[in-house]
Amino acid sequence: MTQQVSTALYMTPACAEALRAELQDLLYTQRPAMARTAQWAAGNGDRSENADYQYAKRALRRFDGRIRFLSKRLEQAQVIDPLQQAQRAQGRVLFGATVTVEEDGEERQFCIVGVDETDPARGLISYQAPLGRALLGKRVGDLVLVRTPGGERELEIIALEYGAIDSRPHPVAPAGAEAEDEVGAADAGTDTEVMAE
């Protein structure tokens, strides 16, 4: 089977809403307040030696960068509701699935989510991470071999369900920065058929 490179950025509705809320806060609250601070500080003497002014200008640049990043992120987003995935899944693991696996007699549960929602401590793994990629398309009873920076792991899928996922996005790095989770670095190569049909 040939893998396609996905340009879409999958995320749950909760993640999209949180990113939209952050963007709105930056646009209509934080940035305007900092612009007022910069304007006030500019009136306090020589700008080259004015710490308040320099701080405000740096903050405005950070806000502008984050606004551009969030705008692009939301523009690229393909929002997929895990509650609707059950109808498409036909027993397969797709984006939004909650998968229970067994490894060496120990059960663990993972939710397949978007890159902006990843939180390995809570079992939220990216569909682009090695574990996420390995689970996609599999069914209950399948053995899954996962290659991670820590070595190979063999997991058995023992349960699969689709439902609401409590995912609050972690702060994402600016565009171009790469994040890693406990199951390895993200990789853009994915089979889009497995995400949503």
N, C-alpha and C. Protein backbone atom coordinates (compact mmCIF):
# COMPACT_ATOMS: atom_id res chain seq x y z
N MET A 1 0.84 -1.17 0.00
CA MET A 1 0.00 0.00 0.00
C MET A 1 0.89 1.24 0.00
N THR A 2 0.64 2.15 -0.88
CA THR A 2 1.41 3.38 -0.98
C THR A 2 0.91 4.40 0.02
N GLN A 3 1.84 4.99 0.76
CA GLN A 3 1.44 6.02 1.72
C GLN A 3 1.44 7.38 1.04
N GLN A 4 0.44 8.18 1.37
CA GLN A 4 0.35 9.54 0.86
C GLN A 4 0.88 10.49 1.92
N VAL A 5 1.45 11.58 1.49
CA VAL A 5 1.89 12.60 2.43
C VAL A 5 0.71 13.53 2.68
N SER A 6 0.34 13.64 3.92
CA SER A 6 -0.81 14.46 4.30
C SER A 6 -0.38 15.90 4.52
N THR A 7 -1.10 16.83 3.89
CA THR A 7 -0.84 18.24 4.14
C THR A 7 -1.87 18.81 5.11
N ALA A 8 -2.95 18.06 5.32
CA ALA A 8 -3.98 18.51 6.27
C ALA A 8 -3.43 18.40 7.69
N LEU A 9 -3.98 19.20 8.54
CA LEU A 9 -3.60 19.19 9.95
C LEU A 9 -4.85 18.78 10.72
N TYR A 10 -4.90 17.54 11.15
CA TYR A 10 -6.08 17.02 11.83
C TYR A 10 -6.11 17.48 13.28
N MET A 11 -7.31 17.82 13.74
CA MET A 11 -7.50 18.18 15.14
C MET A 11 -8.94 17.91 15.54
N THR A 12 -9.16 17.75 16.84
CA THR A 12 -10.51 17.55 17.35
C THR A 12 -11.22 18.90 17.45
N PRO A 13 -12.55 18.89 17.55
CA PRO A 13 -13.28 20.15 17.73
C PRO A 13 -12.82 20.93 18.96
N ALA A 14 -12.50 20.23 20.05
CA ALA A 14 -12.05 20.91 21.28
C ALA A 14 -10.75 21.67 21.03
N CYS A 15 -9.85 21.08 20.28
CA CYS A 15 -8.58 21.74 19.98
C CYS A 15 -8.81 22.96 19.09
N ALA A 16 -9.62 22.81 18.06
CA ALA A 16 -9.89 23.93 17.16
C ALA A 16 -10.51 25.10 17.93
N GLU A 17 -11.43 24.78 18.82
CA GLU A 17 -12.08 25.83 19.61
C GLU A 17 -11.08 26.53 20.54
N ALA A 18 -10.19 25.76 21.16
CA ALA A 18 -9.19 26.36 22.05
C ALA A 18 -8.23 27.26 21.27
N LEU A 19 -7.82 26.83 20.08
CA LEU A 19 -6.92 27.66 19.28
C LEU A 19 -7.63 28.93 18.80
N ARG A 20 -8.91 28.80 18.42
CA ARG A 20 -9.69 29.98 18.02
C ARG A 20 -9.81 30.97 19.19
N ALA A 21 -10.06 30.44 20.38
CA ALA A 21 -10.20 31.30 21.56
C ALA A 21 -8.89 32.02 21.86
N GLU A 22 -7.77 31.31 21.74
CA GLU A 22 -6.47 31.95 21.96
C GLU A 22 -6.23 33.04 20.92
N LEU A 23 -6.56 32.77 19.67
CA LEU A 23 -6.38 33.75 18.61
C LEU A 23 -7.23 35.00 18.87
N GLN A 24 -8.48 34.79 19.25
CA GLN A 24 -9.37 35.92 19.54
C GLN A 24 -8.84 36.74 20.72
N ASP A 25 -8.34 36.07 21.75
CA ASP A 25 -7.78 36.76 22.91
C ASP A 25 -6.57 37.61 22.51
N LEU A 26 -5.71 37.03 21.68
CA LEU A 26 -4.54 37.78 21.23
C LEU A 26 -4.94 38.99 20.39
N LEU A 27 -5.87 38.77 19.46
CA LEU A 27 -6.27 39.84 18.55
C LEU A 27 -7.02 40.98 19.23
N TYR A 28 -7.91 40.63 20.15
CA TYR A 28 -8.84 41.63 20.68
C TYR A 28 -8.59 42.04 22.13
N THR A 29 -7.68 41.36 22.82
CA THR A 29 -7.40 41.73 24.21
C THR A 29 -5.92 42.01 24.42
N GLN A 30 -5.09 40.97 24.27
CA GLN A 30 -3.68 41.11 24.63
C GLN A 30 -2.91 42.07 23.73
N ARG A 31 -3.06 41.91 22.41
CA ARG A 31 -2.30 42.78 21.51
C ARG A 31 -2.72 44.24 21.63
N PRO A 32 -4.03 44.55 21.63
CA PRO A 32 -4.41 45.96 21.80
C PRO A 32 -3.89 46.57 23.11
N ALA A 33 -3.92 45.79 24.20
CA ALA A 33 -3.42 46.30 25.48
C ALA A 33 -1.93 46.59 25.40
N MET A 34 -1.18 45.68 24.75
CA MET A 34 0.26 45.89 24.63
C MET A 34 0.57 47.05 23.68
N ALA A 35 -0.25 47.24 22.66
CA ALA A 35 -0.06 48.38 21.75
C ALA A 35 -0.25 49.69 22.51
N ARG A 36 -1.23 49.72 23.41
CA ARG A 36 -1.43 50.91 24.25
C ARG A 36 -0.23 51.15 25.16
N THR A 37 0.32 50.06 25.72
CA THR A 37 1.51 50.17 26.56
C THR A 37 2.69 50.71 25.76
N ALA A 38 2.86 50.21 24.54
CA ALA A 38 3.96 50.68 23.68
C ALA A 38 3.79 52.16 23.36
N GLN A 39 2.56 52.56 23.09
CA GLN A 39 2.29 53.96 22.78
C GLN A 39 2.59 54.85 23.99
N TRP A 40 2.17 54.40 25.17
CA TRP A 40 2.45 55.15 26.40
C TRP A 40 3.96 55.25 26.63
N ALA A 41 4.66 54.09 26.49
CA ALA A 41 6.10 54.06 26.74
C ALA A 41 6.86 54.91 25.74
N ALA A 42 6.37 54.99 24.51
CA ALA A 42 7.04 55.79 23.48
C ALA A 42 7.07 57.27 23.87
N GLY A 43 6.11 57.69 24.64
CA GLY A 43 6.05 59.08 25.07
C GLY A 43 6.93 59.38 26.27
N ASN A 44 7.64 58.38 26.77
CA ASN A 44 8.46 58.56 27.98
C ASN A 44 9.94 58.77 27.68
N GLY A 45 10.26 59.42 26.60
CA GLY A 45 11.65 59.75 26.35
C GLY A 45 12.27 58.94 25.23
N ASP A 46 13.60 58.92 25.22
CA ASP A 46 14.39 58.27 24.18
C ASP A 46 14.02 56.79 24.07
N ARG A 47 13.52 56.40 22.92
CA ARG A 47 13.07 55.01 22.72
C ARG A 47 14.22 54.01 22.77
N SER A 48 15.41 54.41 22.37
CA SER A 48 16.53 53.46 22.35
C SER A 48 16.96 53.04 23.75
N GLU A 49 16.66 53.84 24.77
CA GLU A 49 17.03 53.50 26.14
C GLU A 49 15.81 53.33 27.03
N ASN A 50 14.65 53.15 26.43
CA ASN A 50 13.40 53.06 27.17
C ASN A 50 13.02 51.58 27.32
N ALA A 51 13.27 51.01 28.49
CA ALA A 51 13.03 49.58 28.72
C ALA A 51 11.56 49.21 28.54
N ASP A 52 10.65 50.06 29.00
CA ASP A 52 9.22 49.76 28.83
C ASP A 52 8.85 49.67 27.36
N TYR A 53 9.37 50.60 26.59
CA TYR A 53 9.07 50.62 25.15
C TYR A 53 9.67 49.39 24.47
N GLN A 54 10.93 49.07 24.78
CA GLN A 54 11.59 47.90 24.18
C GLN A 54 10.84 46.62 24.53
N TYR A 55 10.43 46.49 25.79
CA TYR A 55 9.67 45.32 26.22
C TYR A 55 8.36 45.22 25.44
N ALA A 56 7.64 46.32 25.33
CA ALA A 56 6.34 46.31 24.64
C ALA A 56 6.52 45.96 23.17
N LYS A 57 7.56 46.47 22.53
CA LYS A 57 7.79 46.15 21.11
C LYS A 57 8.12 44.67 20.93
N ARG A 58 8.93 44.10 21.85
CA ARG A 58 9.24 42.66 21.78
C ARG A 58 7.97 41.84 21.98
N ALA A 59 7.15 42.24 22.94
CA ALA A 59 5.89 41.53 23.20
C ALA A 59 4.98 41.60 21.98
N LEU A 60 4.90 42.74 21.35
CA LEU A 60 4.06 42.87 20.14
C LEU A 60 4.56 41.96 19.03
N ARG A 61 5.88 41.85 18.87
CA ARG A 61 6.43 40.93 17.85
C ARG A 61 6.07 39.49 18.17
N ARG A 62 6.16 39.11 19.46
CA ARG A 62 5.77 37.75 19.86
C ARG A 62 4.29 37.51 19.58
N PHE A 63 3.46 38.48 19.97
CA PHE A 63 2.02 38.35 19.72
C PHE A 63 1.74 38.22 18.23
N ASP A 64 2.40 39.05 17.41
CA ASP A 64 2.18 39.00 15.96
C ASP A 64 2.60 37.65 15.39
N GLY A 65 3.73 37.12 15.88
CA GLY A 65 4.17 35.80 15.42
C GLY A 65 3.18 34.72 15.79
N ARG A 66 2.69 34.77 17.01
CA ARG A 66 1.71 33.77 17.46
C ARG A 66 0.39 33.91 16.70
N ILE A 67 -0.02 35.12 16.42
CA ILE A 67 -1.24 35.35 15.65
C ILE A 67 -1.09 34.76 14.25
N ARG A 68 0.06 34.99 13.60
CA ARG A 68 0.29 34.39 12.27
C ARG A 68 0.28 32.88 12.35
N PHE A 69 0.95 32.33 13.36
CA PHE A 69 1.02 30.88 13.52
C PHE A 69 -0.37 30.29 13.71
N LEU A 70 -1.16 30.85 14.63
CA LEU A 70 -2.50 30.32 14.90
C LEU A 70 -3.41 30.47 13.69
N SER A 71 -3.32 31.59 13.00
CA SER A 71 -4.15 31.80 11.81
C SER A 71 -3.85 30.75 10.75
N LYS A 72 -2.57 30.48 10.52
CA LYS A 72 -2.18 29.47 9.53
C LYS A 72 -2.61 28.08 9.99
N ARG A 73 -2.43 27.81 11.28
CA ARG A 73 -2.81 26.51 11.84
C ARG A 73 -4.29 26.25 11.63
N LEU A 74 -5.11 27.23 11.94
CA LEU A 74 -6.56 27.07 11.80
C LEU A 74 -6.97 27.01 10.33
N GLU A 75 -6.24 27.69 9.47
CA GLU A 75 -6.51 27.63 8.04
C GLU A 75 -6.25 26.23 7.49
N GLN A 76 -5.21 25.57 7.99
CA GLN A 76 -4.84 24.23 7.54
C GLN A 76 -5.64 23.13 8.23
N ALA A 77 -6.33 23.47 9.29
CA ALA A 77 -6.99 22.45 10.13
C ALA A 77 -8.10 21.72 9.39
N GLN A 78 -8.11 20.42 9.61
CA GLN A 78 -9.25 19.60 9.22
C GLN A 78 -9.80 19.05 10.54
N VAL A 79 -10.93 19.60 10.97
CA VAL A 79 -11.50 19.23 12.25
C VAL A 79 -12.29 17.94 12.09
N ILE A 80 -11.94 16.96 12.91
CA ILE A 80 -12.59 15.65 12.86
C ILE A 80 -13.16 15.34 14.24
N ASP A 81 -14.45 15.10 14.28
CA ASP A 81 -15.15 14.81 15.53
C ASP A 81 -15.05 13.31 15.82
N PRO A 82 -14.40 12.93 16.93
CA PRO A 82 -14.27 11.51 17.27
C PRO A 82 -15.62 10.79 17.37
N LEU A 83 -16.66 11.51 17.78
CA LEU A 83 -17.98 10.89 17.90
C LEU A 83 -18.51 10.42 16.55
N GLN A 84 -18.12 11.09 15.48
CA GLN A 84 -18.58 10.71 14.15
C GLN A 84 -17.67 9.67 13.48
N GLN A 85 -16.49 9.45 14.03
CA GLN A 85 -15.56 8.51 13.44
C GLN A 85 -16.02 7.06 13.54
N ALA A 86 -16.81 6.73 14.56
CA ALA A 86 -17.26 5.35 14.75
C ALA A 86 -17.99 4.84 13.52
N GLN A 87 -18.76 5.70 12.86
CA GLN A 87 -19.51 5.29 11.68
C GLN A 87 -18.58 4.97 10.51
N ARG A 88 -17.46 5.67 10.41
CA ARG A 88 -16.51 5.47 9.32
C ARG A 88 -15.53 4.33 9.61
N ALA A 89 -15.30 4.08 10.87
CA ALA A 89 -14.19 3.22 11.29
C ALA A 89 -14.32 1.77 10.85
N GLN A 90 -15.51 1.21 10.89
CA GLN A 90 -15.73 -0.20 10.57
C GLN A 90 -14.74 -1.09 11.33
N GLY A 91 -14.57 -0.78 12.62
CA GLY A 91 -13.71 -1.60 13.47
C GLY A 91 -12.24 -1.26 13.41
N ARG A 92 -11.87 -0.25 12.65
CA ARG A 92 -10.46 0.14 12.53
C ARG A 92 -10.14 1.32 13.43
N VAL A 93 -8.87 1.47 13.74
CA VAL A 93 -8.40 2.62 14.49
C VAL A 93 -8.23 3.78 13.51
N LEU A 94 -8.96 4.87 13.76
CA LEU A 94 -8.84 6.10 12.98
C LEU A 94 -8.52 7.24 13.94
N PHE A 95 -8.27 8.41 13.38
CA PHE A 95 -8.06 9.61 14.19
C PHE A 95 -9.24 9.76 15.14
N GLY A 96 -8.97 10.07 16.39
CA GLY A 96 -10.02 10.26 17.39
C GLY A 96 -10.35 9.00 18.18
N ALA A 97 -9.75 7.88 17.82
CA ALA A 97 -10.02 6.63 18.53
C ALA A 97 -9.38 6.63 19.91
N THR A 98 -10.03 5.95 20.83
CA THR A 98 -9.44 5.64 22.13
C THR A 98 -9.12 4.16 22.08
N VAL A 99 -7.85 3.83 22.16
CA VAL A 99 -7.36 2.47 21.96
C VAL A 99 -6.77 1.96 23.26
N THR A 100 -7.21 0.78 23.68
CA THR A 100 -6.61 0.13 24.85
C THR A 100 -5.69 -0.95 24.33
N VAL A 101 -4.44 -0.92 24.78
CA VAL A 101 -3.45 -1.90 24.35
C VAL A 101 -2.89 -2.63 25.57
N GLU A 102 -2.35 -3.80 25.30
CA GLU A 102 -1.68 -4.57 26.35
C GLU A 102 -0.24 -4.77 25.92
N GLU A 103 0.67 -4.47 26.86
CA GLU A 103 2.09 -4.67 26.61
C GLU A 103 2.69 -5.31 27.86
N ASP A 104 3.22 -6.50 27.72
CA ASP A 104 3.82 -7.22 28.84
C ASP A 104 2.87 -7.34 30.02
N GLY A 105 1.60 -7.65 29.74
CA GLY A 105 0.60 -7.84 30.78
C GLY A 105 0.03 -6.57 31.37
N GLU A 106 0.48 -5.43 30.92
CA GLU A 106 0.00 -4.15 31.44
C GLU A 106 -0.86 -3.46 30.39
N GLU A 107 -2.03 -2.97 30.84
CA GLU A 107 -2.94 -2.26 29.93
C GLU A 107 -2.68 -0.77 29.98
N ARG A 108 -2.73 -0.15 28.80
CA ARG A 108 -2.62 1.31 28.69
C ARG A 108 -3.64 1.78 27.67
N GLN A 109 -4.09 3.00 27.85
CA GLN A 109 -5.09 3.56 26.94
C GLN A 109 -4.51 4.80 26.27
N PHE A 110 -4.71 4.89 24.96
CA PHE A 110 -4.23 6.02 24.18
C PHE A 110 -5.37 6.58 23.35
N CYS A 111 -5.40 7.89 23.23
CA CYS A 111 -6.33 8.57 22.32
C CYS A 111 -5.50 9.14 21.18
N ILE A 112 -5.92 8.88 19.95
CA ILE A 112 -5.21 9.39 18.78
C ILE A 112 -5.74 10.79 18.49
N VAL A 113 -4.90 11.80 18.65
CA VAL A 113 -5.31 13.20 18.51
C VAL A 113 -4.35 13.95 17.58
N GLY A 114 -4.59 15.24 17.43
CA GLY A 114 -3.75 16.08 16.59
C GLY A 114 -2.47 16.49 17.28
N VAL A 115 -1.55 17.03 16.50
CA VAL A 115 -0.24 17.41 17.03
C VAL A 115 -0.32 18.51 18.09
N ASP A 116 -1.35 19.34 18.03
CA ASP A 116 -1.49 20.42 19.00
C ASP A 116 -2.14 19.95 20.30
N GLU A 117 -2.56 18.71 20.34
CA GLU A 117 -3.28 18.18 21.50
C GLU A 117 -2.46 17.15 22.26
N THR A 118 -1.32 16.79 21.74
CA THR A 118 -0.51 15.72 22.29
C THR A 118 -0.13 15.98 23.74
N ASP A 119 -0.38 14.98 24.58
CA ASP A 119 0.00 15.02 25.99
C ASP A 119 0.20 13.58 26.43
N PRO A 120 1.40 13.02 26.21
CA PRO A 120 1.65 11.61 26.51
C PRO A 120 1.31 11.21 27.95
N ALA A 121 1.50 12.12 28.90
CA ALA A 121 1.19 11.80 30.30
C ALA A 121 -0.29 11.48 30.48
N ARG A 122 -1.14 12.06 29.65
CA ARG A 122 -2.58 11.80 29.70
C ARG A 122 -3.03 10.77 28.67
N GLY A 123 -2.07 10.18 27.93
CA GLY A 123 -2.42 9.18 26.93
C GLY A 123 -2.89 9.77 25.61
N LEU A 124 -2.67 11.07 25.40
CA LEU A 124 -3.06 11.72 24.15
C LEU A 124 -1.84 11.72 23.23
N ILE A 125 -1.92 10.92 22.15
CA ILE A 125 -0.77 10.80 21.25
C ILE A 125 -1.14 11.30 19.86
N SER A 126 -0.18 11.87 19.20
CA SER A 126 -0.38 12.41 17.86
C SER A 126 -0.53 11.29 16.85
N TYR A 127 -1.37 11.53 15.86
CA TYR A 127 -1.50 10.58 14.75
C TYR A 127 -0.21 10.54 13.93
N GLN A 128 0.69 11.50 14.11
CA GLN A 128 1.95 11.52 13.38
C GLN A 128 3.10 10.87 14.15
N ALA A 129 2.92 10.60 15.43
CA ALA A 129 3.96 9.96 16.24
C ALA A 129 4.07 8.49 15.84
N PRO A 130 5.21 7.86 16.09
CA PRO A 130 5.37 6.45 15.72
C PRO A 130 4.26 5.54 16.25
N LEU A 131 3.86 5.71 17.51
CA LEU A 131 2.80 4.87 18.07
C LEU A 131 1.48 5.15 17.37
N GLY A 132 1.17 6.41 17.16
CA GLY A 132 -0.07 6.77 16.47
C GLY A 132 -0.12 6.18 15.07
N ARG A 133 0.97 6.33 14.33
CA ARG A 133 1.04 5.77 12.96
C ARG A 133 0.90 4.26 12.97
N ALA A 134 1.52 3.61 13.97
CA ALA A 134 1.46 2.15 14.03
C ALA A 134 0.04 1.65 14.34
N LEU A 135 -0.71 2.39 15.14
CA LEU A 135 -2.06 1.96 15.52
C LEU A 135 -3.10 2.21 14.43
N LEU A 136 -2.90 3.26 13.63
CA LEU A 136 -3.90 3.61 12.62
C LEU A 136 -4.16 2.46 11.65
N GLY A 137 -5.44 2.20 11.44
CA GLY A 137 -5.85 1.16 10.50
C GLY A 137 -5.95 -0.23 11.11
N LYS A 138 -5.46 -0.40 12.32
CA LYS A 138 -5.48 -1.72 12.97
C LYS A 138 -6.83 -1.96 13.63
N ARG A 139 -7.03 -3.22 14.05
CA ARG A 139 -8.29 -3.65 14.67
C ARG A 139 -8.02 -4.34 16.01
N VAL A 140 -9.08 -4.53 16.79
CA VAL A 140 -8.96 -5.25 18.06
C VAL A 140 -8.43 -6.65 17.75
N GLY A 141 -7.43 -7.07 18.55
CA GLY A 141 -6.80 -8.37 18.36
C GLY A 141 -5.50 -8.30 17.57
N ASP A 142 -5.28 -7.21 16.86
CA ASP A 142 -4.04 -7.06 16.09
C ASP A 142 -2.85 -6.84 17.02
N LEU A 143 -1.72 -7.42 16.63
CA LEU A 143 -0.46 -7.13 17.29
C LEU A 143 0.21 -6.01 16.51
N VAL A 144 0.73 -5.05 17.22
CA VAL A 144 1.32 -3.88 16.59
C VAL A 144 2.77 -3.76 17.04
N LEU A 145 3.68 -3.66 16.08
CA LEU A 145 5.09 -3.45 16.38
C LEU A 145 5.38 -1.97 16.21
N VAL A 146 5.88 -1.35 17.27
CA VAL A 146 6.15 0.09 17.25
C VAL A 146 7.64 0.31 17.39
N ARG A 147 8.20 1.04 16.45
CA ARG A 147 9.62 1.41 16.54
C ARG A 147 9.70 2.82 17.11
N THR A 148 10.35 2.94 18.26
CA THR A 148 10.52 4.24 18.91
C THR A 148 12.00 4.48 19.15
N PRO A 149 12.37 5.68 19.51
CA PRO A 149 13.78 5.94 19.82
C PRO A 149 14.30 5.03 20.95
N GLY A 150 13.40 4.57 21.81
CA GLY A 150 13.79 3.69 22.91
C GLY A 150 13.86 2.22 22.53
N GLY A 151 13.55 1.88 21.29
CA GLY A 151 13.57 0.49 20.84
C GLY A 151 12.20 0.05 20.34
N GLU A 152 12.12 -1.24 19.98
CA GLU A 152 10.86 -1.78 19.47
C GLU A 152 9.96 -2.22 20.62
N ARG A 153 8.65 -2.01 20.42
CA ARG A 153 7.65 -2.43 21.40
C ARG A 153 6.57 -3.20 20.66
N GLU A 154 6.08 -4.27 21.28
CA GLU A 154 4.98 -5.03 20.69
C GLU A 154 3.75 -4.86 21.58
N LEU A 155 2.68 -4.39 20.98
CA LEU A 155 1.44 -4.13 21.69
C LEU A 155 0.32 -4.93 21.05
N GLU A 156 -0.64 -5.35 21.87
CA GLU A 156 -1.85 -5.99 21.35
C GLU A 156 -3.02 -5.05 21.61
N ILE A 157 -3.81 -4.80 20.58
CA ILE A 157 -4.99 -3.96 20.73
C ILE A 157 -6.09 -4.81 21.35
N ILE A 158 -6.57 -4.40 22.53
CA ILE A 158 -7.60 -5.20 23.21
C ILE A 158 -8.96 -4.51 23.25
N ALA A 159 -9.00 -3.21 22.98
CA ALA A 159 -10.29 -2.51 22.95
C ALA A 159 -10.15 -1.26 22.09
N LEU A 160 -11.29 -0.86 21.51
CA LEU A 160 -11.33 0.30 20.64
C LEU A 160 -12.68 0.97 20.80
N GLU A 161 -12.67 2.28 21.00
CA GLU A 161 -13.93 3.01 21.10
C GLU A 161 -13.75 4.42 20.57
N TYR A 162 -14.87 5.03 20.26
CA TYR A 162 -14.89 6.42 19.80
C TYR A 162 -15.84 7.19 20.69
N GLY A 163 -15.40 8.31 21.17
CA GLY A 163 -16.23 9.15 22.03
C GLY A 163 -15.56 10.49 22.21
N ALA A 164 -16.17 11.32 23.02
CA ALA A 164 -15.60 12.64 23.27
C ALA A 164 -14.25 12.50 23.94
N ILE A 165 -13.30 13.30 23.50
CA ILE A 165 -11.96 13.29 24.06
C ILE A 165 -11.72 14.61 24.77
N ASP A 166 -11.29 14.52 26.02
CA ASP A 166 -10.96 15.73 26.78
C ASP A 166 -9.53 16.12 26.42
N SER A 167 -9.40 16.93 25.40
CA SER A 167 -8.05 17.35 24.99
C SER A 167 -7.97 18.86 24.97
N ARG A 168 -7.14 19.36 25.84
CA ARG A 168 -6.83 20.78 25.82
C ARG A 168 -5.45 20.89 25.19
N PRO A 169 -5.30 21.70 24.18
CA PRO A 169 -3.99 21.75 23.53
C PRO A 169 -2.92 22.30 24.45
N HIS A 170 -1.73 21.72 24.30
CA HIS A 170 -0.58 22.28 25.00
C HIS A 170 -0.08 23.46 24.18
N PRO A 171 0.72 24.31 24.76
CA PRO A 171 1.27 25.41 23.96
C PRO A 171 2.12 24.83 22.83
N VAL A 172 1.84 25.23 21.62
CA VAL A 172 2.60 24.72 20.49
C VAL A 172 3.75 25.65 20.19
N ALA A 173 4.81 25.06 19.65
CA ALA A 173 5.98 25.84 19.29
C ALA A 173 5.70 26.64 18.03
N PRO A 174 6.41 27.70 17.81
CA PRO A 174 6.24 28.46 16.58
C PRO A 174 6.51 27.58 15.36
N ALA A 175 5.93 27.96 14.24
CA ALA A 175 6.10 27.20 13.01
C ALA A 175 7.58 26.95 12.76
N GLY A 176 7.89 25.73 12.35
CA GLY A 176 9.27 25.36 12.07
C GLY A 176 9.92 24.63 13.22
N ALA A 177 9.42 24.78 14.42
CA ALA A 177 9.97 24.06 15.56
C ALA A 177 9.32 22.69 15.62
N GLU A 178 10.08 21.69 16.03
CA GLU A 178 9.53 20.35 16.11
C GLU A 178 9.44 19.92 17.56
N ALA A 179 8.35 19.25 17.88
CA ALA A 179 8.16 18.75 19.24
C ALA A 179 8.29 17.24 19.22
N GLU A 180 8.71 16.68 20.35
CA GLU A 180 8.78 15.24 20.49
C GLU A 180 7.97 14.83 21.70
N ASP A 181 7.39 13.63 21.61
CA ASP A 181 6.70 13.10 22.77
C ASP A 181 7.38 11.80 23.16
N GLU A 182 6.86 11.10 24.15
CA GLU A 182 7.53 9.91 24.65
C GLU A 182 7.59 8.79 23.63
N VAL A 183 6.79 8.85 22.58
CA VAL A 183 6.80 7.80 21.58
C VAL A 183 7.51 8.24 20.32
N GLY A 184 8.25 9.31 20.37
CA GLY A 184 9.10 9.69 19.26
C GLY A 184 8.66 10.94 18.54
N ALA A 185 9.49 11.34 17.62
CA ALA A 185 9.26 12.58 16.88
C ALA A 185 8.14 12.41 15.87
N ALA A 186 7.48 13.52 15.57
CA ALA A 186 6.40 13.53 14.58
C ALA A 186 6.98 13.33 13.19
N ASP A 187 6.18 12.73 12.32
CA ASP A 187 6.56 12.50 10.94
C ASP A 187 5.35 12.80 10.09
N ALA A 188 5.49 13.64 9.08
CA ALA A 188 4.35 14.07 8.28
C ALA A 188 3.79 12.98 7.39
N GLY A 189 4.48 11.90 7.16
CA GLY A 189 4.00 10.87 6.25
C GLY A 189 2.91 10.03 6.89
N THR A 190 1.67 10.13 6.40
CA THR A 190 0.57 9.36 6.95
C THR A 190 -0.32 8.89 5.82
N ASP A 191 -1.08 7.88 6.09
CA ASP A 191 -2.04 7.37 5.13
C ASP A 191 -3.36 8.08 5.41
N THR A 192 -3.73 9.02 4.55
CA THR A 192 -4.92 9.83 4.82
C THR A 192 -6.19 9.01 4.84
N GLU A 193 -6.22 7.86 4.18
CA GLU A 193 -7.41 7.01 4.19
C GLU A 193 -7.75 6.60 5.62
N VAL A 194 -6.76 6.43 6.44
CA VAL A 194 -6.97 5.96 7.79
C VAL A 194 -7.48 7.07 8.71
N MET A 195 -7.27 8.33 8.35
CA MET A 195 -7.71 9.44 9.18
C MET A 195 -9.21 9.63 9.12
N ALA A 196 -9.72 9.82 7.94
CA ALA A 196 -11.15 10.06 7.77
C ALA A 196 -11.49 9.86 6.30
N GLU A 197 -12.51 9.12 6.07
CA GLU A 197 -12.91 8.88 4.68
C GLU A 197 -14.09 9.74 4.32
